Amino acid sequence: MKNTNKQISLYIALINIVVYLLIQMKFFDTVNICNDDILSRIQGSLVHVNFTHLVMNLIGLYILSEIEKVIGSEKFIKLILFIIALSSIIETVLKTSCSIGFSGVLYGLLAYEMFIKKEIKLEMIIVLVSLCFINDNNSNISHSGHLIGFISGIAGYYILS
């Protein structure tokens, strides 16, 4: 029987908040987060540059947490771990720029949701792909991280479904 609440989403939100607070209290050193190894890439998924970054990711998680009610908590945590792992591997192999925050995972959840609802939004895919080719020197947004997360969510749909 599937668990129809959002307990995993709540735990993930709490983990993101605790990591943010520990970094703000200088309990963790974030210097190694942008190294070109898989472990650094995985750790980067839980690091946020400022409070606004954290809040925006938590709002996205809240909105996308409906997926947990649909597929159940066990499959939801497997999906999130899959997205984090695959994204980290791809980013390490491709040597993409440093990507931190939970938004790559959120894009993966968005892709997964589009596939389970059978509502592929071509506009979203075009925007994501286009963003990867825009070099905005005034922004620290990891467009490649979002796209790789999105692709990982699609892979998660086919592998975990």
C-alpha atoms as a PDB file:
ATOM      1  CA  MET A   1       0.000   0.000   0.000  1.00  0.00           C
ATOM      2  CA  LYS A   2       1.362   3.417  -0.974  1.00  0.00           C
ATOM      3  CA  ASN A   3       1.947   6.057   1.662  1.00  0.00           C
ATOM      4  CA  THR A   4      -0.173   8.989   0.472  1.00  0.00           C
ATOM      5  CA  ASN A   5       1.291  11.736   2.631  1.00  0.00           C
ATOM      6  CA  LYS A   6       4.350  13.862   1.939  1.00  0.00           C
ATOM      7  CA  GLN A   7       6.685  12.751   4.720  1.00  0.00           C
ATOM      8  CA  ILE A   8       9.777  12.373   2.507  1.00  0.00           C
ATOM      9  CA  SER A   9       9.246  15.871   1.092  1.00  0.00           C
ATOM     10  CA  LEU A  10       9.115  17.219   4.635  1.00  0.00           C
ATOM     11  CA  TYR A  11      12.320  15.387   5.603  1.00  0.00           C
ATOM     12  CA  ILE A  12      14.088  16.671   2.502  1.00  0.00           C
ATOM     13  CA  ALA A  13      12.973  20.229   3.277  1.00  0.00           C
ATOM     14  CA  LEU A  14      14.257  19.863   6.844  1.00  0.00           C
ATOM     15  CA  ILE A  15      17.599  18.465   5.650  1.00  0.00           C
ATOM     16  CA  ASN A  16      18.021  21.434   3.288  1.00  0.00           C
ATOM     17  CA  ILE A  17      17.198  23.880   6.114  1.00  0.00           C
ATOM     18  CA  VAL A  18      19.552  22.190   8.599  1.00  0.00           C
ATOM     19  CA  VAL A  19      22.425  22.113   6.074  1.00  0.00           C
ATOM     20  CA  TYR A  20      21.825  25.803   5.287  1.00  0.00           C
ATOM     21  CA  LEU A  21      21.864  26.727   8.994  1.00  0.00           C
ATOM     22  CA  LEU A  22      24.991  24.648   9.690  1.00  0.00           C
ATOM     23  CA  ILE A  23      26.793  26.367   6.825  1.00  0.00           C
ATOM     24  CA  GLN A  24      25.666  29.791   8.085  1.00  0.00           C
ATOM     25  CA  MET A  25      27.034  28.901  11.540  1.00  0.00           C
ATOM     26  CA  LYS A  26      30.331  27.929   9.832  1.00  0.00           C
ATOM     27  CA  PHE A  27      29.941  24.343  11.011  1.00  0.00           C
ATOM     28  CA  PHE A  28      30.687  23.106   7.479  1.00  0.00           C
ATOM     29  CA  ASP A  29      33.290  24.406   5.083  1.00  0.00           C
ATOM     30  CA  THR A  30      31.799  24.830   1.604  1.00  0.00           C
ATOM     31  CA  VAL A  31      35.132  25.358  -0.132  1.00  0.00           C
ATOM     32  CA  ASN A  32      35.201  21.823  -1.595  1.00  0.00           C
ATOM     33  CA  ILE A  33      31.614  21.834  -2.859  1.00  0.00           C
ATOM     34  CA  CYS A  34      32.666  22.810  -6.386  1.00  0.00           C
ATOM     35  CA  ASN A  35      35.360  20.195  -6.876  1.00  0.00           C
ATOM     36  CA  ASP A  36      35.131  17.991  -9.951  1.00  0.00           C
ATOM     37  CA  ASP A  37      34.268  14.779  -8.139  1.00  0.00           C
ATOM     38  CA  ILE A  38      30.961  13.011  -7.700  1.00  0.00           C
ATOM     39  CA  LEU A  39      30.819  13.410  -3.914  1.00  0.00           C
ATOM     40  CA  SER A  40      31.260  17.188  -4.190  1.00  0.00           C
ATOM     41  CA  ARG A  41      28.492  17.312  -6.808  1.00  0.00           C
ATOM     42  CA  ILE A  42      26.176  15.294  -4.557  1.00  0.00           C
ATOM     43  CA  GLN A  43      26.892  17.579  -1.593  1.00  0.00           C
ATOM     44  CA  GLY A  44      26.194  20.609  -3.769  1.00  0.00           C
ATOM     45  CA  SER A  45      22.576  19.487  -4.116  1.00  0.00           C
ATOM     46  CA  LEU A  46      21.976  20.427  -0.483  1.00  0.00           C
ATOM     47  CA  VAL A  47      23.907  23.712  -0.383  1.00  0.00           C
ATOM     48  CA  HIS A  48      22.216  27.064  -1.022  1.00  0.00           C
ATOM     49  CA  VAL A  49      24.017  30.367  -1.541  1.00  0.00           C
ATOM     50  CA  ASN A  50      21.563  32.484   0.429  1.00  0.00           C
ATOM     51  CA  PHE A  51      18.222  32.440   2.197  1.00  0.00           C
ATOM     52  CA  THR A  52      16.276  33.439  -0.932  1.00  0.00           C
ATOM     53  CA  HIS A  53      17.845  30.559  -2.870  1.00  0.00           C
ATOM     54  CA  LEU A  54      16.828  28.143  -0.111  1.00  0.00           C
ATOM     55  CA  VAL A  55      13.264  29.486   0.122  1.00  0.00           C
ATOM     56  CA  MET A  56      12.711  29.358  -3.636  1.00  0.00           C
ATOM     57  CA  ASN A  57      13.888  25.744  -3.739  1.00  0.00           C
ATOM     58  CA  LEU A  58      11.654  24.853  -0.785  1.00  0.00           C
ATOM     59  CA  ILE A  59       8.651  26.418  -2.520  1.00  0.00           C
ATOM     60  CA  GLY A  60       9.446  24.369  -5.626  1.00  0.00           C
ATOM     61  CA  LEU A  61       9.743  21.230  -3.495  1.00  0.00           C
ATOM     62  CA  TYR A  62       6.397  21.972  -1.862  1.00  0.00           C
ATOM     63  CA  ILE A  63       4.700  22.357  -5.243  1.00  0.00           C
ATOM     64  CA  LEU A  64       6.294  19.222  -6.689  1.00  0.00           C
ATOM     65  CA  SER A  65       5.748  17.168  -3.527  1.00  0.00           C
ATOM     66  CA  GLU A  66       2.360  16.149  -4.914  1.00  0.00           C
ATOM     67  CA  ILE A  67       4.324  13.545  -6.863  1.00  0.00           C
ATOM     68  CA  GLU A  68       5.060  11.801  -3.566  1.00  0.00           C
ATOM     69  CA  LYS A  69       1.335  11.391  -2.936  1.00  0.00           C
ATOM     70  CA  VAL A  70       0.905   9.869  -6.390  1.00  0.00           C
ATOM     71  CA  ILE A  71       3.848   7.430  -6.453  1.00  0.00           C
ATOM     72  CA  GLY A  72       4.326   6.840  -2.720  1.00  0.00           C
ATOM     73  CA  SER A  73       7.137   7.811  -0.374  1.00  0.00           C
ATOM     74  CA  GLU A  74       9.385   4.827  -1.086  1.00  0.00           C
ATOM     75  CA  LYS A  75       9.424   5.394  -4.841  1.00  0.00           C
ATOM     76  CA  PHE A  76       9.696   9.164  -4.321  1.00  0.00           C
ATOM     77  CA  ILE A  77      12.908   8.895  -2.277  1.00  0.00           C
ATOM     78  CA  LYS A  78      14.330   6.446  -4.826  1.00  0.00           C
ATOM     79  CA  LEU A  79      13.516   8.952  -7.581  1.00  0.00           C
ATOM     80  CA  ILE A  80      15.195  11.829  -5.759  1.00  0.00           C
ATOM     81  CA  LEU A  81      18.301   9.787  -4.981  1.00  0.00           C
ATOM     82  CA  PHE A  82      18.405   8.611  -8.599  1.00  0.00           C
ATOM     83  CA  ILE A  83      18.161  12.193  -9.909  1.00  0.00           C
ATOM     84  CA  ILE A  84      20.911  13.386  -7.545  1.00  0.00           C
ATOM     85  CA  ALA A  85      23.197  10.457  -8.409  1.00  0.00           C
ATOM     86  CA  LEU A  86      22.723  10.574 -12.182  1.00  0.00           C
ATOM     87  CA  SER A  87      22.989  14.376 -12.309  1.00  0.00           C
ATOM     88  CA  SER A  88      26.183  14.263 -10.251  1.00  0.00           C
ATOM     89  CA  ILE A  89      27.718  11.620 -12.493  1.00  0.00           C
ATOM     90  CA  ILE A  90      26.802  13.511 -15.690  1.00  0.00           C
ATOM     91  CA  GLU A  91      28.067  16.844 -14.312  1.00  0.00           C
ATOM     92  CA  THR A  92      31.347  15.214 -13.228  1.00  0.00           C
ATOM     93  CA  VAL A  93      31.899  13.471 -16.578  1.00  0.00           C
ATOM     94  CA  LEU A  94      31.029  16.612 -18.567  1.00  0.00           C
ATOM     95  CA  LYS A  95      32.995  18.827 -16.164  1.00  0.00           C
ATOM     96  CA  THR A  96      30.164  21.367 -16.059  1.00  0.00           C
ATOM     97  CA  SER A  97      30.436  24.504 -13.978  1.00  0.00           C
ATOM     98  CA  CYS A  98      29.687  24.266 -10.281  1.00  0.00           C
ATOM     99  CA  SER A  99      26.018  23.597  -9.675  1.00  0.00           C
ATOM    100  CA  ILE A 100      24.636  24.029  -6.167  1.00  0.00           C
ATOM    101  CA  GLY A 101      21.159  23.908  -4.727  1.00  0.00           C
ATOM    102  CA  PHE A 102      18.188  21.620  -5.027  1.00  0.00           C
ATOM    103  CA  SER A 103      16.769  23.111  -8.225  1.00  0.00           C
ATOM    104  CA  GLY A 104      18.358  20.508 -10.513  1.00  0.00           C
ATOM    105  CA  VAL A 105      16.449  17.868  -8.550  1.00  0.00           C
ATOM    106  CA  LEU A 106      13.296  19.976  -8.840  1.00  0.00           C
ATOM    107  CA  TYR A 107      13.681  20.093 -12.615  1.00  0.00           C
ATOM    108  CA  GLY A 108      14.071  16.311 -12.536  1.00  0.00           C
ATOM    109  CA  LEU A 109      10.846  16.016 -10.544  1.00  0.00           C
ATOM    110  CA  LEU A 110       9.137  18.348 -13.012  1.00  0.00           C
ATOM    111  CA  ALA A 111      10.228  16.150 -15.932  1.00  0.00           C
ATOM    112  CA  TYR A 112       9.066  13.030 -14.112  1.00  0.00           C
ATOM    113  CA  GLU A 113       5.702  14.660 -13.387  1.00  0.00           C
ATOM    114  CA  MET A 114       5.250  15.614 -17.043  1.00  0.00           C
ATOM    115  CA  PHE A 115       5.880  12.012 -18.064  1.00  0.00           C
ATOM    116  CA  ILE A 116       3.572  10.400 -15.489  1.00  0.00           C
ATOM    117  CA  LYS A 117       0.812  12.863 -16.359  1.00  0.00           C
ATOM    118  CA  LYS A 118       1.506  12.359 -20.067  1.00  0.00           C
ATOM    119  CA  GLU A 119       1.614  16.131 -20.484  1.00  0.00           C
ATOM    120  CA  ILE A 120       4.880  16.893 -22.207  1.00  0.00           C
ATOM    121  CA  LYS A 121       5.299  20.643 -22.303  1.00  0.00           C
ATOM    122  CA  LEU A 122       7.383  21.320 -25.398  1.00  0.00           C
ATOM    123  CA  GLU A 123       7.760  24.976 -24.376  1.00  0.00           C
ATOM    124  CA  MET A 124       9.473  23.931 -21.119  1.00  0.00           C
ATOM    125  CA  ILE A 125      11.919  21.697 -22.981  1.00  0.00           C
ATOM    126  CA  ILE A 126      12.732  24.454 -25.495  1.00  0.00           C
ATOM    127  CA  VAL A 127      13.335  26.970 -22.687  1.00  0.00           C
ATOM    128  CA  LEU A 128      15.573  24.542 -20.766  1.00  0.00           C
ATOM    129  CA  VAL A 129      17.676  23.698 -23.803  1.00  0.00           C
ATOM    130  CA  SER A 130      17.895  27.373 -24.831  1.00  0.00           C
ATOM    131  CA  LEU A 131      19.048  28.424 -21.374  1.00  0.00           C
ATOM    132  CA  CYS A 132      22.074  26.141 -21.660  1.00  0.00           C
ATOM    133  CA  PHE A 133      23.370  28.216 -24.554  1.00  0.00           C
ATOM    134  CA  ILE A 134      22.863  31.599 -22.895  1.00  0.00           C
ATOM    135  CA  ASN A 135      25.978  32.867 -21.162  1.00  0.00           C
ATOM    136  CA  ASP A 136      24.740  35.345 -18.570  1.00  0.00           C
ATOM    137  CA  ASN A 137      27.836  36.692 -16.830  1.00  0.00           C
ATOM    138  CA  ASN A 138      25.671  38.526 -14.291  1.00  0.00           C
ATOM    139  CA  SER A 139      24.031  35.352 -13.044  1.00  0.00           C
ATOM    140  CA  ASN A 140      25.190  32.372 -11.047  1.00  0.00           C
ATOM    141  CA  ILE A 141      22.300  30.217 -12.219  1.00  0.00           C
ATOM    142  CA  SER A 142      23.430  26.797 -13.379  1.00  0.00           C
ATOM    143  CA  HIS A 143      21.398  26.343 -16.533  1.00  0.00           C
ATOM    144  CA  SER A 144      23.287  23.162 -17.361  1.00  0.00           C
ATOM    145  CA  GLY A 145      22.487  21.855 -13.851  1.00  0.00           C
ATOM    146  CA  HIS A 146      18.789  22.451 -14.471  1.00  0.00           C
ATOM    147  CA  LEU A 147      18.901  20.730 -17.860  1.00  0.00           C
ATOM    148  CA  ILE A 148      20.883  17.773 -16.518  1.00  0.00           C
ATOM    149  CA  GLY A 149      18.398  17.465 -13.641  1.00  0.00           C
ATOM    150  CA  PHE A 150      15.539  17.517 -16.159  1.00  0.00           C
ATOM    151  CA  ILE A 151      17.198  14.797 -18.248  1.00  0.00           C
ATOM    152  CA  SER A 152      17.824  12.766 -15.080  1.00  0.00           C
ATOM    153  CA  GLY A 153      14.121  13.008 -14.235  1.00  0.00           C
ATOM    154  CA  ILE A 154      13.230  11.629 -17.664  1.00  0.00           C
ATOM    155  CA  ALA A 155      15.708   8.791 -17.162  1.00  0.00           C
ATOM    156  CA  GLY A 156      14.190   8.199 -13.715  1.00  0.00           C
ATOM    157  CA  TYR A 157      10.775   7.840 -15.299  1.00  0.00           C
ATOM    158  CA  TYR A 158      11.972   5.125 -17.670  1.00  0.00           C
ATOM    159  CA  ILE A 159      14.202   3.294 -15.186  1.00  0.00           C
ATOM    160  CA  LEU A 160      12.089   3.462 -12.023  1.00  0.00           C
ATOM    161  CA  SER A 161       8.592   3.154 -13.507  1.00  0.00           C
END
